[in-house]
Protein backbone atom coordinates (compact mmCIF):
# COMPACT_ATOMS: atom_id res chain seq x y z
CA MET A 1 16.59 30.58 -16.32
CA LYS A 2 14.72 30.15 -12.96
CA LYS A 3 11.47 28.70 -14.46
CA LEU A 4 13.62 26.35 -16.62
CA MET A 5 15.26 25.03 -13.21
CA MET A 6 12.17 24.74 -11.16
CA GLY A 7 10.53 22.75 -14.01
CA VAL A 8 13.71 20.08 -14.23
CA VAL A 9 13.58 20.12 -10.38
CA CYS A 10 9.71 19.48 -10.47
CA ALA A 11 10.00 16.78 -13.20
CA LEU A 12 12.95 15.16 -11.12
CA GLY A 13 10.64 15.13 -7.92
CA ILE A 14 7.73 13.57 -9.96
CA THR A 15 9.94 10.82 -11.48
CA SER A 16 11.71 9.95 -8.36
CA VAL A 17 8.10 9.38 -6.43
CA SER A 18 6.81 7.61 -9.59
CA ALA A 19 9.66 5.22 -9.23
CA VAL A 20 9.52 4.49 -5.52
CA ALA A 21 5.91 3.87 -5.46
CA ALA A 22 5.78 1.58 -8.79
CA GLY A 23 4.57 -1.94 -7.32
CA ASP A 24 5.06 -5.31 -8.30
CA ILE A 25 1.73 -7.42 -8.76
CA GLU A 26 3.79 -10.69 -8.57
CA ALA A 27 5.81 -9.48 -5.94
CA GLY A 28 2.57 -8.39 -4.00
CA LYS A 29 1.17 -11.56 -4.52
CA ALA A 30 3.75 -13.39 -3.03
CA LYS A 31 3.94 -11.35 0.00
CA SER A 32 0.34 -11.40 0.67
CA ALA A 33 -0.13 -14.82 2.45
CA ILE A 34 0.18 -12.95 5.98
CA CYS A 35 -2.94 -10.49 4.86
CA ALA A 36 -4.89 -13.35 3.86
CA ALA A 37 -5.48 -14.74 7.22
CA CYS A 38 -8.11 -11.59 7.78
CA HIS A 39 -8.42 -10.12 4.18
CA GLY A 40 -8.79 -13.58 2.43
CA ALA A 41 -6.57 -15.37 -0.06
CA ASP A 42 -8.82 -13.63 -2.77
CA GLY A 43 -8.74 -10.11 -1.05
CA ILE A 44 -12.46 -10.84 0.21
CA ALA A 45 -12.56 -10.48 3.85
CA THR A 46 -13.00 -13.74 5.87
CA ILE A 47 -13.79 -11.80 9.30
CA PRO A 48 -16.85 -9.69 9.53
CA GLY A 49 -15.79 -5.92 10.02
CA TYR A 50 -12.59 -6.32 8.10
CA PRO A 51 -12.38 -4.61 4.56
CA ASN A 52 -12.13 -6.64 1.49
CA LEU A 53 -8.82 -5.30 -0.34
CA LYS A 54 -9.77 -6.67 -3.88
CA GLY A 55 -10.06 -4.35 -6.57
CA GLN A 56 -9.30 -1.27 -3.90
CA ASN A 57 -7.52 1.84 -5.29
CA GLU A 58 -3.81 1.37 -5.16
CA GLN A 59 -3.20 4.75 -3.67
CA TYR A 60 -5.80 4.68 -1.17
CA LEU A 61 -4.03 1.32 0.02
CA ILE A 62 -0.67 2.71 0.20
CA SER A 63 -1.63 5.67 2.35
CA SER A 64 -3.85 3.48 4.57
CA VAL A 65 -1.08 0.87 5.36
CA LYS A 66 1.40 3.88 5.61
CA ALA A 67 -0.83 5.46 7.93
CA TYR A 68 -1.00 2.45 10.51
CA LYS A 69 2.77 2.30 10.05
CA ASN A 70 3.25 5.45 11.17
CA LYS A 71 0.30 4.81 13.94
CA GLU A 72 -1.79 7.64 12.35
CA ARG A 73 -4.90 5.20 12.49
CA GLN A 74 -6.77 4.15 15.86
CA GLY A 75 -9.31 2.55 16.81
CA GLY A 76 -10.85 -0.88 16.24
CA LEU A 77 -8.22 -3.28 15.53
CA ALA A 78 -5.72 -0.56 14.65
CA ALA A 79 -3.11 -2.39 17.00
CA VAL A 80 -3.14 -5.49 14.91
CA MET A 81 -2.74 -3.54 11.57
CA GLN A 82 0.16 -1.60 13.27
CA ALA A 83 2.15 -4.02 14.31
CA GLN A 84 1.68 -5.84 10.83
CA ALA A 85 2.55 -2.76 8.87
CA SER A 86 5.24 -2.13 11.01
CA MET A 87 7.12 -4.99 9.46
CA LEU A 88 6.65 -3.83 5.87
CA SER A 89 9.22 -1.37 3.86
CA ASP A 90 7.83 0.98 1.54
CA GLN A 91 8.34 -1.71 -1.17
CA ASP A 92 6.22 -4.03 0.27
CA ILE A 93 3.58 -2.10 0.71
CA ALA A 94 3.54 -0.75 -2.99
CA ASP A 95 3.72 -4.05 -4.07
CA LEU A 96 0.79 -5.43 -1.68
CA ALA A 97 -1.27 -2.40 -3.20
CA ALA A 98 -0.43 -3.05 -6.81
CA TYR A 99 -1.48 -6.65 -6.31
CA TYR A 100 -4.89 -5.80 -4.39
CA ALA A 101 -5.66 -3.47 -6.92
CA SER A 102 -4.98 -5.60 -9.94
CA LEU A 103 -7.68 -8.27 -8.54
CA LYS A 104 -10.75 -7.84 -10.30
């Protein structure tokens, strides 16, 4: 019985994480205008030293933006990204990541 309950708890946990983390590509595209100033309208950076977002791994983008939001990334122009990321919800981050990851 304990094993069954643990399996149910784990399955529910995985399901809820997936539901929260699911990004909407079209919503991400609509939200990407502010990102385009530095990372380009097509996800190719317009400023030397800024990363390209086009085709980047979705989970990497999510973890990176959340690290900026939580002020876990420092150096360089981290203060700029921290300010931008602080205005994003988890859903905004997921949507943006889905959009940029979808660009090929």
